[in-house]
Structures are given as structure tokens and as C-alpha cells.
């Protein structure tokens, strides 16, 4: 596919994504407009496509997503965390320990360098983990592959779980969506929040700042009644598509061949971590008044942006999901360097005979 002109590659990417994305949506698959472009991007990346999503577009898509999440947040986001803090803390610590064990096993049994295994297995925001990994001696290419491979697994599994859990209700809300509503000054204000957040977040070195800063500022404006954010469906669909393409096109043939030797161990570690976090989600339902799908997404070890997209299309408790996901991201950002050093110093690879 690398021999095709870039214009042709863009056309194939666009048309195939439209067909698959809206095809999945017709079957009421949650986050169809994320999964379709992501799957097409993976296929084209592995086939040698040379097109890439420019960084500013990916950052802008995350900012729009941050504004969408902000509509569902309020100061009440702290209530479930504070009221049940022992259980929340237990789940958080268990997830961190599980990711540490996953990274330790990867280094021990796959031959990956310690920092690479540690950062690659950290269940935080994928883009934040990749950005920090290079500062601690990790192979950024392999960390990115591991992180986005897990995002692909988690996004697909979460969409399947949502489809099974909600049945035909999973995507029925999309039938009544107003794709092109009348826009007013609130739309301009929302764009201003997104633009300022996406510009300021990375410059302040806030992890996942392009997503987090618009989310926080937008939630403050929205919950206080200062301004009601307006994020039309067509803009969300564009953001979902850009994020899906950005993730999918990272799966290049060169990176895949580089990771091929340790791919089985990577897949096993990802599946094991997903199952463990799914077990934690089930445990949450036994003690908290949340449904299984909400608990699954709240504990799911995927990227913050992809989990948010799936949650938004699945009729779950968005506040609880984002509270748990954000808390885990912030905790991993604080503990990640120490965990990487520990794994590097103590996980000695098994010598093959």
C-alpha cells in the first residue's frame, strides 16, 4: 500500500472508515465511530500505508473529547470516591500491583528492558505513558505499541461487553441523534475552551493535558452554570475518527516486526490484566450501587480517551467511570517512575538455553 499515492491512501482510509464505522453503528455497537476507523487504521498501517494523523489534529480531537466529558462531570464526581474511599483505594492499589506484576513478568519472560516493560504495561492514559517513557530510558516505539495494542484490545472488549450487556439498547440512542443542531454562542465558547486547553495543557506539561485541561475547565463552567457547553454530534464523530486513526495507524509493519518476538507475551499480559480488572469491576458491583458495565469501564485498563468514548455511548454512570479512571491516571503518573526503576533493578530476564 506504500506504493499508492497519498491521496489514494487518504481516500481508502476515509471511505473504509465510513463504511465500517456506520456499519458497526447500524448493529448498535458502542463507540462504532471510534472502533471502525481504528480497525481500518490498524489494517492500513500493517499493510504499509504512509499516511499519518498530524499531532495537532490528535491533540484537537482530545480537547473536543475533554469538552464532551465535561458535560457529564460536576463536583459530585468526588462523592463516590470519598464515600467509599477504602474500597476505591483497594481497587486502585490492586490495579497498580497487577500492572507492576504484568511488567515484571514481561521483563522476566520476554527479554524486554525493564523500563520498557514497566511503562508498556502501565494502565493509564496511553499517550501520557508514551510521552513519559522516553524520559526513563524506555524504548518509546515498543511502549507505544504495547499501550495502543492494549487500547485496541480494551476498546474492542468493552464495546462487546456493552453490546452484550445492553442488547439492542446499546446504540438505540444514536437513531434519535440530531447530527446538525442549530449552533449559537455556546458552540463558539466550547471551541474556545478546547483551543485554549489544547494549547495550554501540553505547554504546562500536564499529563494528557489536551484532554484533562478542557475537561476540568469545561466541567467548572458547565457545573456552575456559567456556560453550557455545546458539542454537536458531527464534531464528536470527527474527534472519534481522528483518535481512532491516530491509534490504528501507529501499528506500522516495522514496529510490528520489532515487537513480533515478544508479541505472545504482550498479548498474554494484556489479557491477564484485562481479566483481573474485570474481576475488580465485578467486586465493585457487590459493594457499590453500580451496574456491571459501569464498574467494568471504571476499572478497564485502557486509555482515558477511548474508555470515555465507549462510556458516552453506553448509558453508564459517566461520572463514576471518569472519577475512577482519572484517579488511576494521576496515581500512575506519580508512582510510574518508581515502579519502572524497581522492575529494572529486580526483574532479571530468564536466560534461554
Protein backbone atom coordinates (compact mmCIF):
# COMPACT_ATOMS: atom_id res chain seq x y z
CA UNK A 1 0.00 0.00 0.00
CA UNK A 2 3.01 2.30 0.45
CA UNK A 3 3.21 2.47 -3.35
CA UNK A 4 -0.21 4.10 -3.57
CA UNK A 5 -0.26 7.91 -3.83
CA UNK A 6 -1.05 9.56 -0.51
CA UNK A 7 -4.31 10.97 -1.92
CA UNK A 8 -5.46 7.44 -2.73
CA UNK A 9 -4.44 6.23 0.73
CA UNK A 10 -6.46 9.01 2.36
CA UNK A 11 -9.48 8.15 0.21
CA UNK A 12 -9.25 4.46 1.12
CA UNK A 13 -8.85 5.35 4.80
CA UNK A 14 -11.85 7.70 4.72
CA UNK A 15 -14.21 5.51 2.70
CA UNK A 16 -13.38 2.27 4.53
CA UNK A 17 -13.76 4.02 7.89
CA UNK A 18 -17.15 5.43 6.91
CA UNK A 19 -18.38 2.04 5.76
CA UNK A 20 -17.11 0.12 8.78
CA UNK A 21 -17.92 2.82 11.33
CA UNK A 22 -21.52 3.34 10.25
CA UNK A 23 -21.86 -0.39 9.60
CA UNK A 24 -20.97 -1.11 13.23
CA UNK A 25 -23.30 1.67 14.33
CA UNK A 26 -26.13 0.05 12.39
CA UNK A 27 -25.65 -3.01 14.60
CA UNK A 28 -25.73 -0.77 17.69
CA UNK A 29 -22.08 -1.33 18.60
CA UNK A 30 -21.00 1.27 21.20
CA UNK A 31 -18.21 3.61 20.08
CA UNK A 32 -18.67 2.41 16.50
CA UNK A 33 -17.23 5.65 15.11
CA UNK A 34 -14.08 5.03 17.15
CA UNK A 35 -13.73 1.30 16.52
CA UNK A 36 -14.36 1.45 12.76
CA UNK A 37 -11.62 3.99 11.96
CA UNK A 38 -9.30 2.33 14.48
CA UNK A 39 -9.64 -1.10 12.86
CA UNK A 40 -9.20 0.37 9.36
CA UNK A 41 -6.15 2.30 10.58
CA UNK A 42 -4.57 -0.87 12.03
CA UNK A 43 -5.12 -2.75 8.76
CA UNK A 44 -3.70 0.03 6.62
CA UNK A 45 -0.77 0.59 8.97
CA UNK A 46 0.21 -3.08 8.82
CA UNK A 47 -0.18 -3.02 5.03
CA UNK A 48 2.38 -0.23 4.82
CA UNK A 49 0.28 2.91 4.47
CA UNK A 50 2.39 6.05 4.81
CA UNK A 51 -0.37 8.49 5.81
CA UNK A 52 -0.38 9.73 9.42
CA UNK A 53 -2.60 11.98 11.50
CA UNK A 54 -0.67 15.19 12.32
CA UNK A 55 -0.09 15.71 16.03
CA UNK A 56 -2.16 18.93 16.26
CA UNK A 57 -5.24 17.12 14.92
CA UNK A 58 -4.90 14.37 17.53
CA UNK A 59 -4.50 17.00 20.26
CA UNK A 60 -7.55 18.89 18.98
CA UNK A 61 -9.61 15.67 18.97
CA UNK A 62 -8.64 15.01 22.58
CA UNK A 63 -9.66 18.56 23.52
CA UNK A 64 -13.10 18.09 21.94
CA UNK A 65 -13.42 14.81 23.81
CA UNK A 66 -12.49 16.65 27.02
CA UNK A 67 -15.37 19.07 26.44
CA UNK A 68 -17.74 16.16 25.86
CA UNK A 69 -16.67 14.52 29.14
CA UNK A 70 -17.04 17.86 30.94
CA UNK A 71 -20.78 17.86 30.20
CA UNK A 72 -21.14 14.78 32.41
CA UNK A 73 -18.97 15.96 35.30
CA UNK A 74 -19.76 18.00 38.37
CA UNK A 75 -18.41 18.43 41.90
CA UNK A 76 -20.39 15.28 42.67
CA UNK A 77 -17.58 13.37 40.96
CA UNK A 78 -15.82 13.29 44.35
CA UNK A 79 -18.80 11.83 46.19
CA UNK A 80 -18.38 8.18 45.15
CA UNK A 81 -14.65 8.39 45.82
CA UNK A 82 -14.96 9.94 49.28
CA UNK A 83 -17.97 7.95 50.46
CA UNK A 84 -16.36 4.62 49.63
CA UNK A 85 -12.70 5.56 49.79
CA UNK A 86 -11.48 2.28 51.39
CA UNK A 87 -12.90 0.23 48.51
CA UNK A 88 -11.73 2.75 45.90
CA UNK A 89 -8.24 2.70 47.42
CA UNK A 90 -8.23 -1.10 47.45
CA UNK A 91 -9.17 -1.27 43.76
CA UNK A 92 -6.59 1.38 42.89
CA UNK A 93 -3.76 -0.38 44.74
CA UNK A 94 -4.76 -3.76 43.31
CA UNK A 95 -4.68 -2.35 39.76
CA UNK A 96 -1.26 -0.78 40.30
CA UNK A 97 0.12 -4.02 41.75
CA UNK A 98 -1.35 -6.01 38.87
CA UNK A 99 0.24 -3.71 36.30
CA UNK A 100 3.55 -3.98 38.17
CA UNK A 101 3.37 -7.78 38.18
CA UNK A 102 2.49 -7.68 34.47
CA UNK A 103 5.52 -5.50 33.71
CA UNK A 104 7.78 -7.67 35.91
CA UNK A 105 6.66 -10.85 34.12
CA UNK A 106 7.18 -9.24 30.72
CA UNK A 107 10.75 -8.31 31.58
CA UNK A 108 11.35 -11.68 33.21
CA UNK A 109 9.99 -13.90 30.45
CA UNK A 110 10.19 -11.84 27.24
CA UNK A 111 13.58 -10.16 27.47
CA UNK A 112 12.13 -6.64 27.24
CA UNK A 113 14.22 -3.98 29.01
CA UNK A 114 12.90 -3.08 32.47
CA UNK A 115 11.66 0.46 31.76
CA UNK A 116 10.01 -0.65 28.52
CA UNK A 117 8.10 -3.47 30.21
CA UNK A 118 7.07 -1.24 33.12
CA UNK A 119 5.79 1.72 31.09
CA UNK A 120 4.26 -0.51 28.43
CA UNK A 121 2.14 -2.33 30.99
CA UNK A 122 1.02 0.76 32.97
CA UNK A 123 -2.79 1.08 32.67
CA UNK A 124 -3.00 4.86 32.41
CA UNK A 125 -3.60 7.22 29.55
CA UNK A 126 -1.73 5.70 26.62
CA UNK A 127 -0.45 8.99 25.23
CA UNK A 128 0.76 10.10 28.66
CA UNK A 129 2.60 6.82 29.25
CA UNK A 130 4.32 7.03 25.87
CA UNK A 131 5.31 10.66 26.47
CA UNK A 132 6.88 9.86 29.85
CA UNK A 133 8.51 6.56 28.86
CA UNK A 134 11.32 8.13 26.85
CA UNK A 135 12.45 10.17 29.85
CA UNK A 136 13.12 6.98 31.81
CA UNK A 137 15.17 5.02 29.29
CA UNK A 138 12.37 3.02 27.70
CA UNK A 139 12.07 2.15 24.02
CA UNK A 140 9.30 4.55 23.06
CA UNK A 141 8.40 2.54 19.95
CA UNK A 142 7.71 -0.64 21.91
CA UNK A 143 5.97 1.24 24.72
CA UNK A 144 3.66 2.87 22.15
CA UNK A 145 2.98 -0.50 20.51
CA UNK A 146 2.16 -2.14 23.87
CA UNK A 147 -0.01 0.74 25.05
CA UNK A 148 -2.02 1.03 21.86
CA UNK A 149 -2.28 -2.74 21.46
CA UNK A 150 -3.94 -2.77 24.89
CA UNK A 151 -6.16 0.16 23.87
CA UNK A 152 -7.25 -1.85 20.83
CA UNK A 153 -7.99 -4.93 22.96
CA UNK A 154 -9.77 -2.96 25.68
CA UNK A 155 -11.83 -0.85 23.28
CA UNK A 156 -12.99 -3.92 21.37
CA UNK A 157 -13.72 -5.93 24.52
CA UNK A 158 -15.55 -3.03 26.20
CA UNK A 159 -17.71 -2.47 23.12
CA UNK A 160 -18.56 -6.19 23.00
CA UNK A 161 -19.36 -6.23 26.73
CA UNK A 162 -21.54 -3.14 26.32
CA UNK A 163 -23.32 -4.70 23.36
CA UNK A 164 -23.98 -7.92 25.28
CA UNK A 165 -24.93 -6.14 28.49
CA UNK A 166 -27.35 -3.66 26.90
CA UNK A 167 -28.54 -5.76 23.98
CA UNK A 168 -30.32 -3.80 21.29
CA UNK A 169 -30.47 -0.78 23.61
CA UNK A 170 -26.69 -0.34 23.31
CA UNK A 171 -26.87 2.03 20.38
CA UNK A 172 -30.52 2.93 20.02
CA UNK A 173 -29.79 6.40 21.27
CA UNK A 174 -27.89 7.07 18.04
CA UNK A 175 -31.09 6.72 15.99
CA UNK A 176 -32.52 9.83 17.60
CA UNK A 177 -29.35 11.88 17.47
CA UNK A 178 -29.53 15.32 15.95
CA UNK A 179 -26.35 15.40 13.89
CA UNK A 180 -26.52 19.06 12.84
CA UNK A 181 -28.26 21.09 15.57
CA UNK A 182 -28.57 24.85 15.42
CA UNK A 183 -25.40 26.40 16.80
CA UNK A 184 -25.14 29.52 18.94
CA UNK A 185 -22.59 31.39 21.06
CA UNK A 186 -22.16 28.34 23.32
CA UNK A 187 -20.54 26.49 20.43
CA UNK A 188 -18.01 29.28 19.99
CA UNK A 189 -17.38 29.21 23.75
CA UNK A 190 -16.88 25.44 23.68
CA UNK A 191 -14.39 25.78 20.83
CA UNK A 192 -12.55 28.45 22.82
CA UNK A 193 -12.28 26.09 25.81
CA UNK A 194 -10.99 23.33 23.52
CA UNK A 195 -8.47 25.55 21.73
CA UNK A 196 -7.10 27.16 24.88
CA UNK A 197 -6.96 23.82 26.71
CA UNK A 198 -5.25 22.00 23.86
CA UNK A 199 -2.69 24.79 23.54
CA UNK A 200 -2.05 25.34 27.24
CA UNK A 201 -2.23 21.75 28.52
CA UNK A 202 0.89 20.40 26.78
CA UNK A 203 2.82 23.61 27.48
CA UNK A 204 2.12 23.30 31.19
CA UNK A 205 3.36 19.71 30.93
CA UNK A 206 0.09 18.39 32.29
CA UNK A 207 -0.08 14.63 31.53
CA UNK A 208 -2.77 14.13 28.88
CA UNK A 209 -3.20 17.90 29.21
CA UNK A 210 -5.01 18.32 25.90
CA UNK A 211 -7.77 16.12 27.31
CA UNK A 212 -7.57 16.91 31.02
CA UNK A 213 -7.47 20.72 30.93
CA UNK A 214 -10.57 21.24 28.70
CA UNK A 215 -12.29 18.55 30.78
CA UNK A 216 -11.58 20.36 34.07
CA UNK A 217 -12.26 23.90 32.80
CA UNK A 218 -15.34 22.80 30.87
CA UNK A 219 -16.72 20.91 33.90
CA UNK A 220 -16.24 24.00 36.07
CA UNK A 221 -18.08 26.22 33.57
CA UNK A 222 -20.79 23.66 32.94
CA UNK A 223 -21.50 22.64 36.54
CA UNK A 224 -21.59 26.22 37.84
CA UNK A 225 -23.99 27.32 35.13
CA UNK A 226 -21.52 29.86 33.77
CA UNK A 227 -21.77 28.34 30.32
CA UNK A 228 -23.49 25.28 28.92
CA UNK A 229 -21.10 23.51 26.60
CA UNK A 230 -22.35 22.68 23.12
CA UNK A 231 -20.62 19.75 21.41
CA UNK A 232 -22.60 18.73 18.29
CA UNK A 233 -22.62 15.10 17.19
CA UNK A 234 -20.82 15.80 13.92
CA UNK A 235 -17.90 17.31 15.82
CA UNK A 236 -17.77 14.36 18.23
CA UNK A 237 -17.82 11.93 15.30
CA UNK A 238 -14.88 13.79 13.75
CA UNK A 239 -12.96 13.65 17.05
CA UNK A 240 -13.70 9.93 17.47
CA UNK A 241 -12.48 9.27 13.93
CA UNK A 242 -9.25 11.21 14.38
CA UNK A 243 -8.49 9.38 17.64
CA UNK A 244 -9.26 6.03 16.02
CA UNK A 245 -6.99 6.78 13.06
CA UNK A 246 -4.22 8.08 15.31
CA UNK A 247 -4.24 4.86 17.33
CA UNK A 248 -4.67 2.49 14.40
CA UNK A 249 -2.03 3.97 12.11
CA UNK A 250 0.60 3.53 14.85
CA UNK A 251 0.59 -0.19 14.11
CA UNK A 252 3.17 0.02 11.35
CA UNK A 253 4.81 -3.01 9.81
CA UNK A 254 8.23 -2.00 11.14
CA UNK A 255 7.01 -1.69 14.75
CA UNK A 256 5.05 -4.93 14.42
CA UNK A 257 8.15 -6.81 13.24
CA UNK A 258 10.17 -5.27 16.05
CA UNK A 259 7.61 -6.46 18.60
CA UNK A 260 6.93 -9.81 16.96
CA UNK A 261 9.41 -11.74 19.11
CA UNK A 262 7.67 -10.68 22.31
CA UNK A 263 4.13 -10.39 20.90
CA UNK A 264 2.78 -13.58 22.56
CA UNK A 265 3.97 -12.43 25.99
CA UNK A 266 2.49 -8.97 25.37
CA UNK A 267 -0.90 -10.42 24.44
CA UNK A 268 -0.93 -12.74 27.47
CA UNK A 269 -0.07 -9.86 29.81
CA UNK A 270 -2.78 -7.64 28.28
CA UNK A 271 -5.48 -10.31 28.51
CA UNK A 272 -4.46 -11.22 32.08
CA UNK A 273 -4.61 -7.55 33.15
CA UNK A 274 -7.99 -7.10 31.47
CA UNK A 275 -9.40 -10.17 33.22
CA UNK A 276 -8.02 -9.04 36.58
CA UNK A 277 -9.51 -5.56 36.19
CA UNK A 278 -12.78 -7.16 35.10
CA UNK A 279 -12.75 -9.14 38.34
CA UNK A 280 -12.22 -5.92 40.28
CA UNK A 281 -15.19 -4.43 38.44
CA UNK A 282 -17.38 -7.37 39.45
CA UNK A 283 -16.23 -6.90 43.06
CA UNK A 284 -17.28 -3.25 42.93
CA UNK A 285 -20.83 -4.27 42.00
CA UNK A 286 -21.03 -6.36 45.15
CA UNK A 287 -20.41 -3.36 47.42
CA UNK A 288 -21.50 -0.28 45.46
CA UNK A 289 -24.78 0.59 43.72
CA UNK A 290 -23.26 0.48 40.22
CA UNK A 291 -24.06 -1.82 37.33
CA UNK A 292 -21.53 -4.27 35.95
CA UNK A 293 -20.85 -2.32 32.75
CA UNK A 294 -20.13 0.89 34.70
CA UNK A 295 -17.79 -1.00 37.04
CA UNK A 296 -16.08 -2.72 34.10
CA UNK A 297 -15.38 0.56 32.31
CA UNK A 298 -14.30 2.23 35.57
CA UNK A 299 -11.63 -0.44 36.15
CA UNK A 300 -10.81 -1.15 32.50
CA UNK A 301 -7.07 -0.72 31.77
CA UNK A 302 -7.49 1.24 28.55
CA UNK A 303 -6.69 4.80 27.56
CA UNK A 304 -8.72 7.51 29.26
CA UNK A 305 -9.96 8.85 25.92
CA UNK A 306 -11.15 5.54 24.47
CA UNK A 307 -12.87 4.47 27.69
CA UNK A 308 -14.64 7.85 27.78
CA UNK A 309 -15.90 7.40 24.22
CA UNK A 310 -17.27 3.93 24.95
CA UNK A 311 -18.83 5.11 28.22
CA UNK A 312 -20.50 8.04 26.47
CA UNK A 313 -22.22 5.66 24.06
CA UNK A 314 -23.18 3.01 26.59
CA UNK A 315 -25.58 4.69 29.04
CA UNK A 316 -23.40 4.05 32.07
CA UNK A 317 -22.60 6.23 35.09
CA UNK A 318 -20.14 8.52 33.30
CA UNK A 319 -19.25 10.40 36.49
CA UNK A 320 -18.16 7.26 38.32
CA UNK A 321 -16.24 5.91 35.31
CA UNK A 322 -14.28 9.13 34.78
CA UNK A 323 -13.66 9.58 38.52
CA UNK A 324 -12.03 6.15 38.78
CA UNK A 325 -10.12 6.46 35.50
CA UNK A 326 -8.80 9.95 36.29
CA UNK A 327 -7.73 8.96 39.80
CA UNK A 328 -5.85 5.94 38.46
CA UNK A 329 -4.13 8.00 35.78
CA UNK A 330 -2.92 10.57 38.30
CA UNK A 331 -1.71 7.84 40.67
CA UNK A 332 0.21 6.01 37.95
CA UNK A 333 1.85 9.24 36.86
CA UNK A 334 3.14 9.63 40.43
CA UNK A 335 4.17 6.01 41.01
CA UNK A 336 5.23 5.04 37.47
CA UNK A 337 8.88 6.17 37.69
CA UNK A 338 9.46 4.31 40.99
CA UNK A 339 7.79 1.18 39.61
CA UNK A 340 9.91 1.31 36.45
CA UNK A 341 13.10 1.59 38.50
CA UNK A 342 12.06 -1.31 40.75
CA UNK A 343 11.29 -3.58 37.80
CA UNK A 344 14.53 -2.63 36.05
CA UNK A 345 16.57 -3.48 39.17
CA UNK A 346 14.83 -6.67 40.26
CA UNK A 347 13.31 -8.40 37.20
CA UNK A 348 16.19 -10.37 35.71
CA UNK A 349 15.33 -11.97 32.32
CA UNK A 350 15.27 -15.74 32.23
CA UNK A 351 18.23 -16.99 30.21
CA UNK A 352 17.19 -19.15 27.28
CA UNK A 353 19.04 -22.40 26.79
